[in-house]
Protein backbone atom coordinates (compact mmCIF):
# COMPACT_ATOMS: atom_id res chain seq x y z
CA GLY A 1 18.57 7.75 12.52
CA ILE A 2 16.19 10.63 12.46
CA LEU A 3 17.38 14.19 13.01
CA CYS A 4 14.80 16.72 14.24
CA PHE A 5 14.97 20.48 14.46
CA SER A 6 12.29 22.56 16.12
CA LEU A 7 12.10 26.33 16.37
CA THR A 8 9.23 26.12 18.86
CA GLY A 9 10.81 23.58 21.18
CA SER A 10 8.16 20.97 20.39
CA THR A 11 9.30 17.41 19.63
CA ASN A 12 5.84 16.08 18.68
CA SER A 13 6.50 16.28 14.94
CA CYS A 14 9.80 14.42 15.40
CA GLN A 15 8.06 11.62 17.28
CA ILE A 16 5.40 11.28 14.57
CA ASN A 17 8.04 11.22 11.81
CA SER A 18 9.99 8.60 13.74
CA ILE A 19 6.90 6.39 14.06
CA LEU A 20 6.05 6.79 10.36
CA SER A 21 9.60 5.99 9.29
CA PHE A 22 9.66 2.90 11.47
CA GLY A 23 6.31 1.74 10.05
CA ILE A 24 7.56 2.04 6.47
CA VAL A 25 10.72 0.07 7.23
CA SER A 26 8.84 -2.74 8.98
CA THR A 27 6.24 -2.99 6.19
CA MET A 28 8.88 -3.29 3.48
CA SER A 29 10.83 -6.02 5.29
CA SER A 30 7.68 -8.01 6.09
CA SER A 31 6.83 -8.62 2.45
CA ILE A 32 8.45 -9.59 -0.79
CA LEU A 33 8.71 -6.65 -3.20
CA PHE A 34 8.19 -7.13 -6.92
CA LYS A 35 7.94 -5.18 -10.13
CA PHE A 36 7.58 -6.17 -13.73
CA ARG A 37 10.66 -5.64 -15.87
CA SER A 38 9.00 -2.67 -17.59
CA GLY A 39 7.79 -1.19 -14.29
CA THR A 40 9.37 1.56 -12.28
CA ASN A 41 8.12 0.95 -8.73
CA PHE A 42 8.34 -2.12 -6.52
CA GLU A 43 5.05 -3.27 -4.99
CA PRO A 44 4.71 -5.22 -1.73
CA LEU A 45 3.45 -8.78 -1.91
CA PRO A 46 2.41 -9.59 1.66
CA LEU A 47 2.84 -13.27 2.43
CA VAL A 48 2.46 -15.37 5.56
CA GLY A 49 5.68 -16.61 7.19
CA GLN A 50 9.33 -15.65 6.92
CA SER A 51 9.69 -16.94 3.35
CA ALA A 52 7.65 -18.32 0.46
CA ARG A 53 8.07 -20.88 -2.28
CA LEU A 54 8.61 -19.47 -5.76
CA LEU A 55 5.39 -21.08 -7.01
CA ASP A 56 3.40 -19.36 -4.23
CA VAL A 57 5.05 -16.03 -5.08
CA LYS A 58 4.15 -16.46 -8.77
CA ARG A 59 0.54 -17.28 -7.90
CA ALA A 60 0.32 -14.27 -5.55
CA ILE A 61 1.66 -11.97 -8.29
CA VAL A 62 -0.86 -13.37 -10.79
CA LYS A 63 -3.67 -12.76 -8.31
CA ALA A 64 -2.45 -9.28 -7.30
CA LYS A 65 -2.17 -8.17 -10.93
CA GLN A 66 -5.38 -9.99 -11.97
CA LEU A 67 -3.60 -11.93 -14.70
CA ASP A 68 -5.78 -15.02 -14.09
CA ARG A 69 -8.74 -14.01 -16.23
CA SER A 70 -8.32 -16.90 -18.68
CA SER A 71 -11.08 -19.47 -19.05
CA GLY A 72 -9.01 -22.55 -18.16
CA MET A 73 -7.69 -23.76 -14.83
CA GLN A 74 -4.04 -23.58 -15.96
CA LEU A 75 -2.61 -20.30 -17.19
CA GLU A 76 -0.97 -20.22 -20.60
CA PHE A 77 2.04 -18.22 -19.47
CA ASP A 78 4.83 -18.44 -16.94
CA LEU A 79 6.68 -15.78 -14.99
CA SER A 80 10.42 -15.35 -15.07
CA VAL A 81 11.48 -14.20 -11.61
CA LYS A 82 14.89 -12.67 -10.87
CA ASN A 83 16.41 -11.28 -7.71
CA ALA A 84 16.72 -7.52 -8.38
CA THR A 85 19.91 -7.26 -6.32
CA THR A 86 21.87 -10.27 -7.60
CA ASN A 87 20.14 -10.74 -10.99
CA GLN A 88 19.88 -14.47 -10.11
CA GLU A 89 16.92 -16.12 -11.84
CA TYR A 90 14.80 -18.43 -9.71
CA VAL A 91 13.97 -21.50 -11.83
CA ASP A 92 12.95 -24.15 -9.29
CA ASN A 93 9.32 -23.57 -8.25
CA SER A 94 10.14 -25.02 -4.83
CA ALA A 95 12.93 -22.46 -4.24
CA ILE A 96 12.49 -20.49 -1.02
CA ILE A 97 12.42 -16.69 -1.28
CA PRO A 98 12.89 -14.81 2.02
CA ARG A 99 10.93 -11.73 3.05
CA GLY A 100 12.51 -8.43 2.06
CA THR A 101 13.68 -9.80 -1.30
CA ARG A 102 13.18 -7.53 -4.30
CA LEU A 103 12.10 -9.34 -7.45
CA VAL A 104 11.94 -8.38 -11.12
CA VAL A 105 9.24 -10.30 -12.98
CA GLN A 106 8.73 -10.92 -16.69
CA ARG A 107 5.74 -12.62 -18.28
CA LEU A 108 6.72 -15.38 -20.74
CA PRO A 109 4.74 -17.75 -22.94
CA ALA A 110 4.62 -21.23 -21.42
CA ALA A 111 5.27 -24.50 -23.19
CA ARG A 112 2.00 -26.35 -23.81
CA GLY A 113 0.69 -27.72 -20.54
CA HIS A 114 3.41 -26.07 -18.44
CA GLY A 115 1.92 -22.73 -17.36
CA ILE A 116 1.51 -21.60 -13.78
């Protein structure tokens, strides 16, 4: 909840703070949050739907971080993706990741012909 104090009797600032707080909460739960292992802050990865396949999440991270500047169609690296809360690593590219999940990502070299 939000607790407001006002010396002037005005509640306008409380209403604005309430709206801003609600907006932040709804934005965070409507996306998947990720950070690289060496990073400090989680970034939102807005996706369509209530969940996303791991492969789609990896591709969205690559695009968001502009890691796809290589000359070939297939990237020569893979991303290790772990749930930040449970430390569970997602290994199946068809695994479903729900909105609101916090992910820790690490860039790894891919076996020949097996990049993203």
